[in-house]
PDB file of N, CA and C in Angstrom:
ATOM      1  N   MET A   1     -23.682   9.116   8.502  1.00  0.00           N
ATOM      2  CA  MET A   1     -22.765  10.074   7.852  1.00  0.00           C
ATOM      3  C   MET A   1     -23.525  10.719   6.707  1.00  0.00           C
ATOM      4  N   GLU A   2     -24.879  10.579   6.633  1.00  0.00           N
ATOM      5  CA  GLU A   2     -25.570  10.983   5.520  1.00  0.00           C
ATOM      6  C   GLU A   2     -26.450  12.134   6.167  1.00  0.00           C
ATOM      7  N   SER A   3     -26.770  13.163   5.399  1.00  0.00           N
ATOM      8  CA  SER A   3     -27.704  13.980   5.849  1.00  0.00           C
ATOM      9  C   SER A   3     -29.077  13.834   5.113  1.00  0.00           C
ATOM     10  N   ASP A   4     -30.052  14.672   5.384  1.00  0.00           N
ATOM     11  CA  ASP A   4     -31.558  14.343   4.746  1.00  0.00           C
ATOM     12  C   ASP A   4     -31.209  14.288   3.174  1.00  0.00           C
ATOM     13  N   GLY A   5     -30.229  15.076   2.729  1.00  0.00           N
ATOM     14  CA  GLY A   5     -30.169  15.134   1.253  1.00  0.00           C
ATOM     15  C   GLY A   5     -29.211  14.380   0.605  1.00  0.00           C
ATOM     16  N   GLY A   6     -28.545  13.524   1.257  1.00  0.00           N
ATOM     17  CA  GLY A   6     -27.502  12.552   0.745  1.00  0.00           C
ATOM     18  C   GLY A   6     -26.202  12.808   1.523  1.00  0.00           C
ATOM     19  N   ALA A   7     -25.056  12.447   0.863  1.00  0.00           N
ATOM     20  CA  ALA A   7     -23.927  12.553   1.393  1.00  0.00           C
ATOM     21  C   ALA A   7     -23.282  13.857   1.822  1.00  0.00           C
ATOM     22  N   MET A   8     -22.525  14.047   2.993  1.00  0.00           N
ATOM     23  CA  MET A   8     -22.315  15.102   3.713  1.00  0.00           C
ATOM     24  C   MET A   8     -21.169  15.893   2.622  1.00  0.00           C
ATOM     25  N   ALA A   9     -21.529  17.278   2.562  1.00  0.00           N
ATOM     26  CA  ALA A   9     -20.963  18.183   1.700  1.00  0.00           C
ATOM     27  C   ALA A   9     -19.378  18.085   1.811  1.00  0.00           C
ATOM     28  N   ASP A  10     -18.776  17.939   2.905  1.00  0.00           N
ATOM     29  CA  ASP A  10     -17.341  17.828   3.205  1.00  0.00           C
ATOM     30  C   ASP A  10     -16.881  16.334   3.260  1.00  0.00           C
ATOM     31  N   ALA A  11     -17.623  15.479   3.034  1.00  0.00           N
ATOM     32  CA  ALA A  11     -17.224  14.085   3.051  1.00  0.00           C
ATOM     33  C   ALA A  11     -15.973  13.933   2.330  1.00  0.00           C
ATOM     34  N   VAL A  12     -15.138  12.901   2.688  1.00  0.00           N
ATOM     35  CA  VAL A  12     -13.914  12.506   1.722  1.00  0.00           C
ATOM     36  C   VAL A  12     -14.196  11.283   1.582  1.00  0.00           C
ATOM     37  N   GLU A  13     -14.178  10.809   0.394  1.00  0.00           N
ATOM     38  CA  GLU A  13     -14.382   9.416  -0.202  1.00  0.00           C
ATOM     39  C   GLU A  13     -13.175   9.061  -0.839  1.00  0.00           C
ATOM     40  N   LEU A  14     -12.694   7.834  -0.450  1.00  0.00           N
ATOM     41  CA  LEU A  14     -11.226   7.487  -1.272  1.00  0.00           C
ATOM     42  C   LEU A  14     -11.450   5.848  -1.489  1.00  0.00           C
ATOM     43  N   CYS A  15     -10.607   5.537  -2.505  1.00  0.00           N
ATOM     44  CA  CYS A  15     -10.275   4.234  -2.868  1.00  0.00           C
ATOM     45  C   CYS A  15      -8.849   3.811  -2.548  1.00  0.00           C
ATOM     46  N   CYS A  16      -8.632   2.752  -2.037  1.00  0.00           N
ATOM     47  CA  CYS A  16      -7.388   2.205  -1.729  1.00  0.00           C
ATOM     48  C   CYS A  16      -7.143   0.911  -2.203  1.00  0.00           C
ATOM     49  N   LEU A  17      -6.051   0.809  -3.161  1.00  0.00           N
ATOM     50  CA  LEU A  17      -5.660  -0.180  -3.654  1.00  0.00           C
ATOM     51  C   LEU A  17      -4.173  -1.002  -3.012  1.00  0.00           C
ATOM     52  N   LEU A  18      -4.115  -2.024  -2.524  1.00  0.00           N
ATOM     53  CA  LEU A  18      -2.944  -2.704  -1.894  1.00  0.00           C
ATOM     54  C   LEU A  18      -2.488  -3.869  -2.508  1.00  0.00           C
ATOM     55  N   TRP A  19      -1.209  -4.016  -2.700  1.00  0.00           N
ATOM     56  CA  TRP A  19      -0.405  -4.941  -3.117  1.00  0.00           C
ATOM     57  C   TRP A  19       0.455  -5.507  -2.134  1.00  0.00           C
ATOM     58  N   ALA A  20       0.255  -6.895  -1.662  1.00  0.00           N
ATOM     59  CA  ALA A  20       1.312  -7.479  -0.674  1.00  0.00           C
ATOM     60  C   ALA A  20       2.535  -7.897  -1.119  1.00  0.00           C
ATOM     61  N   ARG A  21       3.671  -7.797  -0.200  1.00  0.00           N
ATOM     62  CA  ARG A  21       4.832  -8.374  -0.420  1.00  0.00           C
ATOM     63  C   ARG A  21       4.816  -9.748  -0.787  1.00  0.00           C
ATOM     64  N   GLU A  22       5.632 -10.284  -1.447  1.00  0.00           N
ATOM     65  CA  GLU A  22       5.752 -11.868  -1.904  1.00  0.00           C
ATOM     66  C   GLU A  22       5.638 -12.696  -0.568  1.00  0.00           C
ATOM     67  N   GLY A  23       4.581 -13.706  -0.638  1.00  0.00           N
ATOM     68  CA  GLY A  23       4.154 -14.333   0.530  1.00  0.00           C
ATOM     69  C   GLY A  23       3.367 -13.631   1.721  1.00  0.00           C
ATOM     70  N   GLU A  24       3.091 -12.441   1.562  1.00  0.00           N
ATOM     71  CA  GLU A  24       2.499 -11.758   2.585  1.00  0.00           C
ATOM     72  C   GLU A  24       1.000 -11.451   2.458  1.00  0.00           C
ATOM     73  N   ARG A  25       0.372 -11.948   1.532  1.00  0.00           N
ATOM     74  CA  ARG A  25      -1.152 -11.829   1.304  1.00  0.00           C
ATOM     75  C   ARG A  25      -1.879 -11.908   2.690  1.00  0.00           C
ATOM     76  N   ALA A  26      -1.742 -12.880   3.450  1.00  0.00           N
ATOM     77  CA  ALA A  26      -2.199 -13.065   4.768  1.00  0.00           C
ATOM     78  C   ALA A  26      -1.954 -12.244   5.727  1.00  0.00           C
ATOM     79  N   GLY A  27      -0.715 -11.693   5.814  1.00  0.00           N
ATOM     80  CA  GLY A  27      -0.185 -10.656   6.659  1.00  0.00           C
ATOM     81  C   GLY A  27      -0.614  -9.206   6.461  1.00  0.00           C
ATOM     82  N   LEU A  28      -0.910  -8.846   4.848  1.00  0.00           N
ATOM     83  CA  LEU A  28      -1.683  -7.875   4.600  1.00  0.00           C
ATOM     84  C   LEU A  28      -2.976  -7.828   5.087  1.00  0.00           C
ATOM     85  N   SER A  29      -3.729  -8.814   4.892  1.00  0.00           N
ATOM     86  CA  SER A  29      -5.080  -8.778   5.426  1.00  0.00           C
ATOM     87  C   SER A  29      -5.102  -8.671   6.961  1.00  0.00           C
ATOM     88  N   GLU A  30      -4.220  -9.333   7.630  1.00  0.00           N
ATOM     89  CA  GLU A  30      -4.298  -9.219   9.244  1.00  0.00           C
ATOM     90  C   GLU A  30      -4.045  -7.671   9.701  1.00  0.00           C
ATOM     91  N   TYR A  31      -3.084  -7.074   8.992  1.00  0.00           N
ATOM     92  CA  TYR A  31      -2.530  -5.721   9.021  1.00  0.00           C
ATOM     93  C   TYR A  31      -3.861  -4.927   8.725  1.00  0.00           C
ATOM     94  N   GLU A  32      -4.645  -5.082   7.642  1.00  0.00           N
ATOM     95  CA  GLU A  32      -5.679  -4.164   7.434  1.00  0.00           C
ATOM     96  C   GLU A  32      -6.752  -4.417   8.482  1.00  0.00           C
ATOM     97  N   ASP A  33      -6.950  -5.549   8.875  1.00  0.00           N
ATOM     98  CA  ASP A  33      -8.042  -5.869   9.910  1.00  0.00           C
ATOM     99  C   ASP A  33      -7.918  -4.914  11.060  1.00  0.00           C
ATOM    100  N   ARG A  34      -6.613  -4.972  11.486  1.00  0.00           N
ATOM    101  CA  ARG A  34      -6.285  -4.025  12.756  1.00  0.00           C
ATOM    102  C   ARG A  34      -6.371  -2.638  12.515  1.00  0.00           C
ATOM    103  N   VAL A  35      -5.953  -2.032  11.402  1.00  0.00           N
ATOM    104  CA  VAL A  35      -5.874  -0.592  11.369  1.00  0.00           C
ATOM    105  C   VAL A  35      -7.271  -0.170  10.830  1.00  0.00           C
ATOM    106  N   LEU A  36      -8.155  -1.040  10.098  1.00  0.00           N
ATOM    107  CA  LEU A  36      -9.451  -0.633   9.589  1.00  0.00           C
ATOM    108  C   LEU A  36     -10.442  -0.546  10.675  1.00  0.00           C
ATOM    109  N   ALA A  37      -9.940  -1.377  11.741  1.00  0.00           N
ATOM    110  CA  ALA A  37     -11.002  -1.249  12.999  1.00  0.00           C
ATOM    111  C   ALA A  37     -10.984  -0.008  13.703  1.00  0.00           C
ATOM    112  N   LEU A  38      -9.866   1.049  13.345  1.00  0.00           N
ATOM    113  CA  LEU A  38      -9.867   2.215  13.934  1.00  0.00           C
ATOM    114  C   LEU A  38     -10.884   3.328  13.067  1.00  0.00           C
ATOM    115  N   VAL A  39     -11.219   3.120  11.938  1.00  0.00           N
ATOM    116  CA  VAL A  39     -11.727   3.972  11.034  1.00  0.00           C
ATOM    117  C   VAL A  39     -13.008   4.729  11.628  1.00  0.00           C
ATOM    118  N   ALA A  40     -13.839   3.805  12.324  1.00  0.00           N
ATOM    119  CA  ALA A  40     -15.039   4.372  12.733  1.00  0.00           C
ATOM    120  C   ALA A  40     -14.873   5.426  14.006  1.00  0.00           C
ATOM    121  N   GLU A  41     -13.840   5.034  14.587  1.00  0.00           N
ATOM    122  CA  GLU A  41     -13.567   6.071  15.793  1.00  0.00           C
ATOM    123  C   GLU A  41     -13.057   7.324  15.392  1.00  0.00           C
ATOM    124  N   HIS A  42     -12.789   7.576  14.090  1.00  0.00           N
ATOM    125  CA  HIS A  42     -12.488   8.713  13.466  1.00  0.00           C
ATOM    126  C   HIS A  42     -13.573   9.241  12.363  1.00  0.00           C
ATOM    127  N   HIS A  43     -14.739   8.970  12.622  1.00  0.00           N
ATOM    128  CA  HIS A  43     -15.920   9.402  11.891  1.00  0.00           C
ATOM    129  C   HIS A  43     -15.724   9.084  10.489  1.00  0.00           C
ATOM    130  N   GLY A  44     -15.359   7.775  10.322  1.00  0.00           N
ATOM    131  CA  GLY A  44     -15.172   7.011   8.975  1.00  0.00           C
ATOM    132  C   GLY A  44     -15.941   5.972   8.907  1.00  0.00           C
ATOM    133  N   GLU A  45     -16.134   5.275   7.669  1.00  0.00           N
ATOM    134  CA  GLU A  45     -16.525   4.102   7.433  1.00  0.00           C
ATOM    135  C   GLU A  45     -15.752   3.376   6.345  1.00  0.00           C
ATOM    136  N   VAL A  46     -15.660   2.116   6.643  1.00  0.00           N
ATOM    137  CA  VAL A  46     -15.295   1.179   5.281  1.00  0.00           C
ATOM    138  C   VAL A  46     -16.382   0.957   4.673  1.00  0.00           C
ATOM    139  N   VAL A  47     -16.731   1.480   3.401  1.00  0.00           N
ATOM    140  CA  VAL A  47     -17.835   1.142   2.597  1.00  0.00           C
ATOM    141  C   VAL A  47     -17.782  -0.234   1.916  1.00  0.00           C
ATOM    142  N   GLN A  48     -16.617  -0.440   1.526  1.00  0.00           N
ATOM    143  CA  GLN A  48     -16.595  -1.762   0.887  1.00  0.00           C
ATOM    144  C   GLN A  48     -15.033  -2.308   0.884  1.00  0.00           C
ATOM    145  N   ARG A  49     -14.875  -3.563   1.179  1.00  0.00           N
ATOM    146  CA  ARG A  49     -13.324  -4.296   1.241  1.00  0.00           C
ATOM    147  C   ARG A  49     -13.610  -5.481   0.419  1.00  0.00           C
ATOM    148  N   ALA A  50     -12.647  -5.541  -0.636  1.00  0.00           N
ATOM    149  CA  ALA A  50     -12.653  -6.663  -1.625  1.00  0.00           C
ATOM    150  C   ALA A  50     -11.278  -7.268  -1.649  1.00  0.00           C
ATOM    151  N   ILE A  51     -11.207  -8.534  -1.413  1.00  0.00           N
ATOM    152  CA  ILE A  51      -9.931  -9.267  -1.480  1.00  0.00           C
ATOM    153  C   ILE A  51      -9.780  -9.899  -3.106  1.00  0.00           C
ATOM    154  N   GLY A  52      -8.545  -9.587  -3.570  1.00  0.00           N
ATOM    155  CA  GLY A  52      -8.249  -9.855  -4.746  1.00  0.00           C
ATOM    156  C   GLY A  52      -7.922 -11.603  -4.819  1.00  0.00           C
ATOM    157  N   GLY A  53      -7.948 -12.187  -5.966  1.00  0.00           N
ATOM    158  CA  GLY A  53      -7.760 -13.582  -6.109  1.00  0.00           C
ATOM    159  C   GLY A  53      -6.343 -13.884  -6.257  1.00  0.00           C
ATOM    160  N   GLY A  54      -5.258 -12.771  -6.398  1.00  0.00           N
ATOM    161  CA  GLY A  54      -3.835 -13.152  -6.570  1.00  0.00           C
ATOM    162  C   GLY A  54      -3.467 -13.487  -7.895  1.00  0.00           C
ATOM    163  N   ALA A  55      -4.508 -13.365  -9.049  1.00  0.00           N
ATOM    164  CA  ALA A  55      -4.061 -13.449 -10.227  1.00  0.00           C
ATOM    165  C   ALA A  55      -3.648 -12.167 -11.015  1.00  0.00           C
ATOM    166  N   GLY A  56      -2.635 -12.494 -11.963  1.00  0.00           N
ATOM    167  CA  GLY A  56      -2.032 -11.305 -12.533  1.00  0.00           C
ATOM    168  C   GLY A  56      -1.349 -10.295 -11.583  1.00  0.00           C
ATOM    169  N   ASP A  57      -1.493  -8.876 -12.294  1.00  0.00           N
ATOM    170  CA  ASP A  57      -0.677  -8.047 -11.448  1.00  0.00           C
ATOM    171  C   ASP A  57      -1.696  -6.982 -10.754  1.00  0.00           C
ATOM    172  N   GLY A  58      -2.837  -7.406 -10.532  1.00  0.00           N
ATOM    173  CA  GLY A  58      -3.982  -6.651  -9.842  1.00  0.00           C
ATOM    174  C   GLY A  58      -3.687  -6.652  -8.471  1.00  0.00           C
ATOM    175  N   PRO A  59      -4.429  -5.741  -7.642  1.00  0.00           N
ATOM    176  CA  PRO A  59      -4.241  -5.531  -6.206  1.00  0.00           C
ATOM    177  C   PRO A  59      -4.527  -6.813  -5.305  1.00  0.00           C
ATOM    178  N   ASP A  60      -4.047  -6.805  -4.272  1.00  0.00           N
ATOM    179  CA  ASP A  60      -4.440  -8.008  -3.444  1.00  0.00           C
ATOM    180  C   ASP A  60      -5.775  -7.635  -2.660  1.00  0.00           C
ATOM    181  N   GLU A  61      -5.921  -6.217  -2.451  1.00  0.00           N
ATOM    182  CA  GLU A  61      -6.980  -5.772  -1.760  1.00  0.00           C
ATOM    183  C   GLU A  61      -7.419  -4.385  -2.318  1.00  0.00           C
ATOM    184  N   VAL A  62      -8.787  -4.102  -2.307  1.00  0.00           N
ATOM    185  CA  VAL A  62      -9.352  -3.006  -2.558  1.00  0.00           C
ATOM    186  C   VAL A  62     -10.322  -2.427  -1.477  1.00  0.00           C
ATOM    187  N   GLN A  63     -10.137  -1.021  -1.094  1.00  0.00           N
ATOM    188  CA  GLN A  63     -10.945  -0.563  -0.166  1.00  0.00           C
ATOM    189  C   GLN A  63     -11.702   0.536  -0.520  1.00  0.00           C
ATOM    190  N   LEU A  64     -12.945   0.940  -0.209  1.00  0.00           N
ATOM    191  CA  LEU A  64     -13.606   2.144  -0.328  1.00  0.00           C
ATOM    192  C   LEU A  64     -13.820   2.838   1.099  1.00  0.00           C
ATOM    193  N   TYR A  65     -13.492   3.994   1.352  1.00  0.00           N
ATOM    194  CA  TYR A  65     -13.790   4.567   2.627  1.00  0.00           C
ATOM    195  C   TYR A  65     -14.588   5.891   2.447  1.00  0.00           C
ATOM    196  N   ARG A  66     -15.328   6.218   3.522  1.00  0.00           N
ATOM    197  CA  ARG A  66     -15.925   7.793   3.533  1.00  0.00           C
ATOM    198  C   ARG A  66     -15.413   8.092   5.080  1.00  0.00           C
ATOM    199  N   PHE A  67     -15.139   9.476   4.908  1.00  0.00           N
ATOM    200  CA  PHE A  67     -14.697  10.152   6.157  1.00  0.00           C
ATOM    201  C   PHE A  67     -15.665  11.397   6.167  1.00  0.00           C
ATOM    202  N   LEU A  68     -15.937  11.860   7.397  1.00  0.00           N
ATOM    203  CA  LEU A  68     -16.777  12.948   7.615  1.00  0.00           C
ATOM    204  C   LEU A  68     -16.177  14.159   7.111  1.00  0.00           C
ATOM    205  N   ASP A  69     -14.758  14.331   7.058  1.00  0.00           N
ATOM    206  CA  ASP A  69     -14.298  15.553   6.432  1.00  0.00           C
ATOM    207  C   ASP A  69     -12.718  15.284   6.560  1.00  0.00           C
ATOM    208  N   ASP A  70     -12.051  16.044   5.872  1.00  0.00           N
ATOM    209  CA  ASP A  70     -10.715  16.049   5.898  1.00  0.00           C
ATOM    210  C   ASP A  70      -9.888  15.796   7.180  1.00  0.00           C
ATOM    211  N   ALA A  71     -10.492  16.642   8.131  1.00  0.00           N
ATOM    212  CA  ALA A  71      -9.838  16.614   9.676  1.00  0.00           C
ATOM    213  C   ALA A  71      -9.995  15.229  10.188  1.00  0.00           C
ATOM    214  N   ALA A  72     -11.255  14.511   9.760  1.00  0.00           N
ATOM    215  CA  ALA A  72     -11.461  13.138  10.328  1.00  0.00           C
ATOM    216  C   ALA A  72     -10.472  12.136   9.689  1.00  0.00           C
ATOM    217  N   LEU A  73     -10.096  12.322   8.339  1.00  0.00           N
ATOM    218  CA  LEU A  73      -9.182  11.552   7.681  1.00  0.00           C
ATOM    219  C   LEU A  73      -7.905  11.824   8.126  1.00  0.00           C
ATOM    220  N   ARG A  74      -7.375  13.019   8.456  1.00  0.00           N
ATOM    221  CA  ARG A  74      -6.094  13.257   9.153  1.00  0.00           C
ATOM    222  C   ARG A  74      -5.990  12.604  10.521  1.00  0.00           C
ATOM    223  N   GLY A  75      -7.068  12.617  11.228  1.00  0.00           N
ATOM    224  CA  GLY A  75      -7.072  12.007  12.681  1.00  0.00           C
ATOM    225  C   GLY A  75      -6.769  10.459  12.524  1.00  0.00           C
ATOM    226  N   TYR A  76      -7.504   9.853  11.570  1.00  0.00           N
ATOM    227  CA  TYR A  76      -7.280   8.562  11.456  1.00  0.00           C
ATOM    228  C   TYR A  76      -5.755   8.215  10.917  1.00  0.00           C
ATOM    229  N   LEU A  77      -5.281   8.931  10.070  1.00  0.00           N
ATOM    230  CA  LEU A  77      -3.874   8.643   9.428  1.00  0.00           C
ATOM    231  C   LEU A  77      -2.872   8.878  10.641  1.00  0.00           C
ATOM    232  N   ALA A  78      -3.204   9.879  11.552  1.00  0.00           N
ATOM    233  CA  ALA A  78      -2.360  10.197  12.481  1.00  0.00           C
ATOM    234  C   ALA A  78      -2.460   9.416  13.997  1.00  0.00           C
ATOM    235  N   ASP A  79      -3.620   8.734  14.008  1.00  0.00           N
ATOM    236  CA  ASP A  79      -3.880   7.809  15.209  1.00  0.00           C
ATOM    237  C   ASP A  79      -2.500   6.927  15.593  1.00  0.00           C
ATOM    238  N   PRO A  80      -2.035   7.217  16.826  1.00  0.00           N
ATOM    239  CA  PRO A  80      -0.984   6.588  17.216  1.00  0.00           C
ATOM    240  C   PRO A  80      -0.849   5.140  17.184  1.00  0.00           C
ATOM    241  N   ARG A  81      -2.072   4.455  17.432  1.00  0.00           N
ATOM    242  CA  ARG A  81      -2.361   3.074  17.372  1.00  0.00           C
ATOM    243  C   ARG A  81      -1.898   2.608  15.832  1.00  0.00           C
ATOM    244  N   ARG A  82      -2.212   3.348  14.850  1.00  0.00           N
ATOM    245  CA  ARG A  82      -2.089   3.128  13.348  1.00  0.00           C
ATOM    246  C   ARG A  82      -0.562   3.347  13.149  1.00  0.00           C
ATOM    247  N   THR A  83       0.025   4.380  13.719  1.00  0.00           N
ATOM    248  CA  THR A  83       1.467   4.790  13.172  1.00  0.00           C
ATOM    249  C   THR A  83       2.469   3.732  13.999  1.00  0.00           C
ATOM    250  N   ALA A  84       2.071   3.319  15.027  1.00  0.00           N
ATOM    251  CA  ALA A  84       2.760   2.423  15.815  1.00  0.00           C
ATOM    252  C   ALA A  84       3.041   1.126  15.042  1.00  0.00           C
ATOM    253  N   LEU A  85       2.185   0.706  14.095  1.00  0.00           N
ATOM    254  CA  LEU A  85       2.106  -0.346  13.132  1.00  0.00           C
ATOM    255  C   LEU A  85       2.979  -0.134  11.822  1.00  0.00           C
ATOM    256  N   ALA A  86       3.583   0.909  11.618  1.00  0.00           N
ATOM    257  CA  ALA A  86       4.430   1.290  10.666  1.00  0.00           C
ATOM    258  C   ALA A  86       5.407   0.342   9.871  1.00  0.00           C
ATOM    259  N   GLU A  87       5.927  -0.491  10.926  1.00  0.00           N
ATOM    260  CA  GLU A  87       7.159  -1.409  10.558  1.00  0.00           C
ATOM    261  C   GLU A  87       6.485  -2.649   9.965  1.00  0.00           C
ATOM    262  N   GLU A  88       5.284  -3.133  10.719  1.00  0.00           N
ATOM    263  CA  GLU A  88       4.471  -4.170  10.187  1.00  0.00           C
ATOM    264  C   GLU A  88       3.944  -3.977   8.729  1.00  0.00           C
ATOM    265  N   ARG A  89       3.476  -2.717   8.707  1.00  0.00           N
ATOM    266  CA  ARG A  89       2.863  -2.333   7.275  1.00  0.00           C
ATOM    267  C   ARG A  89       4.117  -2.554   6.191  1.00  0.00           C
ATOM    268  N   ASP A  90       5.266  -1.914   6.600  1.00  0.00           N
ATOM    269  CA  ASP A  90       6.344  -2.136   5.566  1.00  0.00           C
ATOM    270  C   ASP A  90       6.685  -3.503   5.219  1.00  0.00           C
ATOM    271  N   ARG A  91       6.514  -4.439   6.399  1.00  0.00           N
ATOM    272  CA  ARG A  91       6.840  -5.519   6.091  1.00  0.00           C
ATOM    273  C   ARG A  91       6.035  -6.348   5.132  1.00  0.00           C
ATOM    274  N   VAL A  92       4.653  -5.905   5.226  1.00  0.00           N
ATOM    275  CA  VAL A  92       3.541  -6.766   4.419  1.00  0.00           C
ATOM    276  C   VAL A  92       3.056  -6.153   3.188  1.00  0.00           C
ATOM    277  N   ILE A  93       3.154  -4.981   3.040  1.00  0.00           N
ATOM    278  CA  ILE A  93       2.643  -4.277   1.971  1.00  0.00           C
ATOM    279  C   ILE A  93       3.664  -3.777   1.024  1.00  0.00           C
ATOM    280  N   ALA A  94       3.695  -4.194  -0.181  1.00  0.00           N
ATOM    281  CA  ALA A  94       4.754  -3.589  -1.405  1.00  0.00           C
ATOM    282  C   ALA A  94       4.271  -2.353  -1.871  1.00  0.00           C
ATOM    283  N   ARG A  95       2.943  -2.082  -2.158  1.00  0.00           N
ATOM    284  CA  ARG A  95       2.564  -1.172  -2.854  1.00  0.00           C
ATOM    285  C   ARG A  95       1.136  -0.586  -2.297  1.00  0.00           C
ATOM    286  N   THR A  96       0.900   0.759  -2.402  1.00  0.00           N
ATOM    287  CA  THR A  96      -0.441   1.319  -2.171  1.00  0.00           C
ATOM    288  C   THR A  96      -0.748   2.427  -3.030  1.00  0.00           C
ATOM    289  N   GLU A  97      -2.053   2.475  -3.617  1.00  0.00           N
ATOM    290  CA  GLU A  97      -2.467   3.374  -4.302  1.00  0.00           C
ATOM    291  C   GLU A  97      -3.566   3.962  -3.645  1.00  0.00           C
ATOM    292  N   LEU A  98      -3.636   5.440  -3.295  1.00  0.00           N
ATOM    293  CA  LEU A  98      -4.810   5.862  -2.631  1.00  0.00           C
ATOM    294  C   LEU A  98      -5.391   7.215  -3.433  1.00  0.00           C
ATOM    295  N   PHE A  99      -6.432   7.232  -3.724  1.00  0.00           N
ATOM    296  CA  PHE A  99      -7.023   8.411  -4.531  1.00  0.00           C
ATOM    297  C   PHE A  99      -8.416   8.598  -4.442  1.00  0.00           C
ATOM    298  N   PRO A 100      -8.995   9.925  -4.533  1.00  0.00           N
ATOM    299  CA  PRO A 100     -10.310  10.332  -4.230  1.00  0.00           C
ATOM    300  C   PRO A 100     -11.362   9.760  -5.217  1.00  0.00           C
ATOM    301  N   VAL A 101     -12.422   9.251  -4.929  1.00  0.00           N
ATOM    302  CA  VAL A 101     -13.426   8.715  -5.690  1.00  0.00           C
ATOM    303  C   VAL A 101     -14.834   9.350  -5.194  1.00  0.00           C
ATOM    304  N   THR A 102     -15.839   8.952  -5.940  1.00  0.00           N
ATOM    305  CA  THR A 102     -17.103   9.544  -5.548  1.00  0.00           C
ATOM    306  C   THR A 102     -17.878   8.044  -5.384  1.00  0.00           C
ATOM    307  N   ILE A 103     -18.420   7.909  -4.307  1.00  0.00           N
ATOM    308  CA  ILE A 103     -19.134   6.576  -3.983  1.00  0.00           C
ATOM    309  C   ILE A 103     -20.538   6.787  -4.325  1.00  0.00           C
ATOM    310  N   ARG A 104     -21.151   5.989  -5.130  1.00  0.00           N
ATOM    311  CA  ARG A 104     -22.640   6.256  -5.272  1.00  0.00           C
ATOM    312  C   ARG A 104     -23.385   5.087  -4.747  1.00  0.00           C
TER     313      ARG A 104
END
C-alpha cells in the first residue's frame, strides 16, 4: 500500500475505539476477529490492534486501519458478510468511536 515516496496520497487512515457491553469483552474480540479478516480483501490493512486491560472507562480495543482510498473503505463497510453480522455487533459492542488519523 505504499508507493516509492511513502503512503498513498488517497489513503484513508483511521483509529477505532471499541467498548464492549457488560460481560461481552470476549464476544467483542471474537466479532472483531471475524470482520477484520475481511479488511485485506478491500485493499486495507489492520496496522495495529490493541486489547485494553478493562480498567477504568478506557476502550476495550483500539485499532488502526489503512485503506487504499475512500472507495476501498466503503467497500469494506458495505461487505455483505460484515453487514450480516450487525445483530452480533449490536449484542457485544456498546460504543464505537471512529476518526481519521495520520499513521506514522
